[in-house]
Amino acid sequence: MPFIDIAKIPALELLPGCRLRTPYGKNIMMSYLEMEAGAEVPLHHHPHEQAGMLLQGKLELTIGDETRLVEAGSMFIIPPNTPHRARAVAGNALVLDIFSPVREDYAEMFNKHVPVDG
């Protein structure tokens, strides 16, 4: 899957108001996350390193002990096992996250809903 048309990937509702598309390769996963105004990804952590960029909107983003209001164009890196959360404020938000290694839980969800080209 070297070229990806994100519009052709079905969105999965991970949490209320949070729709996710997660194409991935052998060692890296992309997560295209659409958040409705007020939607929240609650405080959580995982063993994967996560980097991201806010493409549209505003987020109240907590990483570890620090919370900031970030706007489109902001980038962030979340070390493995670091607690973090995000909430869309003042409208919808669009986030591109990158995970390494691939998140097995997301890959399993993605594989159940996306047909494999053959």
Protein backbone atom coordinates (compact mmCIF):
# COMPACT_ATOMS: atom_id res chain seq x y z
CA MET A 1 0.00 0.00 0.00
CA PRO A 2 2.60 2.63 -1.04
CA PHE A 3 -0.03 5.20 -2.10
CA ILE A 4 -2.97 5.86 0.18
CA ASP A 5 -6.23 7.60 -0.66
CA ILE A 6 -7.49 8.41 2.82
CA ALA A 7 -11.01 9.04 1.48
CA LYS A 8 -11.24 5.35 0.46
CA ILE A 9 -10.39 4.05 3.93
CA PRO A 10 -13.44 3.51 6.14
CA ALA A 11 -13.39 5.56 9.33
CA LEU A 12 -13.72 3.71 12.62
CA GLU A 13 -15.27 5.46 15.60
CA LEU A 14 -12.68 4.86 18.31
CA LEU A 15 -14.45 7.00 20.91
CA PRO A 16 -17.55 9.22 20.71
CA GLY A 17 -16.78 11.98 18.20
CA CYS A 18 -13.37 10.51 17.27
CA ARG A 19 -13.06 8.83 13.86
CA LEU A 20 -9.84 7.08 12.94
CA ARG A 21 -8.16 5.77 9.80
CA THR A 22 -4.91 3.89 10.41
CA PRO A 23 -2.87 2.73 7.40
CA TYR A 24 0.40 1.08 8.36
CA GLY A 25 3.50 -0.67 7.11
CA LYS A 26 5.94 -3.08 8.71
CA ASN A 27 7.37 -0.70 11.33
CA ILE A 28 5.26 2.45 11.30
CA MET A 29 1.59 3.40 11.51
CA MET A 30 -0.22 6.58 10.51
CA SER A 31 -3.38 7.62 12.29
CA TYR A 32 -5.67 10.16 10.62
CA LEU A 33 -7.89 11.29 13.49
CA GLU A 34 -10.98 13.45 13.03
CA MET A 35 -12.32 14.90 16.28
CA GLU A 36 -15.67 16.66 16.66
CA ALA A 37 -15.82 19.79 18.82
CA GLY A 38 -15.57 18.77 22.48
CA ALA A 39 -14.53 15.19 21.68
CA GLU A 40 -11.83 13.79 23.94
CA VAL A 41 -9.22 11.07 23.85
CA PRO A 42 -8.94 10.46 27.61
CA LEU A 43 -5.71 10.15 29.54
CA HIS A 44 -3.93 6.95 28.50
CA HIS A 45 -0.48 5.57 27.72
CA HIS A 46 1.00 2.85 25.53
CA PRO A 47 4.44 1.39 24.81
CA HIS A 48 4.59 2.97 21.35
CA GLU A 49 6.42 6.19 20.55
CA GLN A 50 3.97 8.70 19.06
CA ALA A 51 4.58 11.81 17.02
CA GLY A 52 1.89 14.02 15.59
CA MET A 53 0.83 17.20 13.91
CA LEU A 54 -2.40 19.12 14.32
CA LEU A 55 -3.60 19.75 10.76
CA GLN A 56 -6.77 21.72 11.57
CA GLY A 57 -8.45 23.19 14.61
CA LYS A 58 -7.34 23.55 18.22
CA LEU A 59 -6.57 20.95 20.86
CA GLU A 60 -6.09 21.04 24.57
CA LEU A 61 -3.21 18.57 24.66
CA THR A 62 -1.69 17.05 27.77
CA ILE A 63 1.62 15.19 27.58
CA GLY A 64 2.94 14.00 30.92
CA ASP A 65 2.46 16.83 33.44
CA GLU A 66 2.14 19.61 30.85
CA THR A 67 -1.05 20.85 29.19
CA ARG A 68 -1.10 23.31 26.29
CA LEU A 69 -3.59 24.75 23.87
CA VAL A 70 -2.16 23.92 20.44
CA GLU A 71 -3.23 25.18 17.02
CA ALA A 72 -2.94 23.93 13.45
CA GLY A 73 0.70 23.41 12.50
CA SER A 74 1.75 22.38 16.01
CA MET A 75 3.80 19.19 16.25
CA PHE A 76 4.46 16.96 19.24
CA ILE A 77 6.38 13.84 20.28
CA ILE A 78 5.13 11.55 23.02
CA PRO A 79 7.70 9.14 24.48
CA PRO A 80 6.64 5.54 25.15
CA ASN A 81 4.52 4.97 28.28
CA THR A 82 3.92 8.71 28.81
CA PRO A 83 0.35 9.58 29.89
CA HIS A 84 -1.39 11.89 27.39
CA ARG A 85 -4.85 13.14 26.40
CA ALA A 86 -6.40 15.42 23.78
CA ARG A 87 -9.65 17.41 23.61
CA ALA A 88 -10.90 19.33 20.57
CA VAL A 89 -11.76 22.89 21.56
CA ALA A 90 -13.50 25.69 19.65
CA GLY A 91 -14.58 23.42 16.81
CA ASN A 92 -13.50 20.25 15.02
CA ALA A 93 -9.88 19.11 14.88
CA LEU A 94 -7.85 16.97 12.49
CA VAL A 95 -4.72 15.22 13.75
CA LEU A 96 -2.10 13.12 11.97
CA ASP A 97 -0.34 10.78 14.41
CA ILE A 98 2.58 8.47 13.68
CA PHE A 99 3.26 5.41 15.84
CA SER A 100 6.34 3.21 16.04
CA PRO A 101 6.20 0.33 16.31
CA VAL A 102 2.78 -0.36 14.79
CA ARG A 103 -0.04 -0.35 17.35
CA GLU A 104 -1.32 -3.91 17.28
CA ASP A 105 -4.74 -2.91 18.66
CA TYR A 106 -5.31 -0.38 15.86
CA ALA A 107 -3.95 -2.78 13.22
CA GLU A 108 -6.41 -5.44 14.32
CA MET A 109 -9.35 -3.00 14.09
CA PHE A 110 -8.12 -1.71 10.72
CA ASN A 111 -7.74 -5.23 9.27
CA LYS A 112 -11.31 -6.15 10.24
CA HIS A 113 -12.73 -3.23 8.24
CA VAL A 114 -10.42 -2.67 5.26
CA PRO A 115 -10.30 -5.21 2.41
CA VAL A 116 -6.82 -6.27 1.34
CA ASP A 117 -5.94 -5.62 -2.32
CA GLY A 118 -5.02 -8.78 -4.12
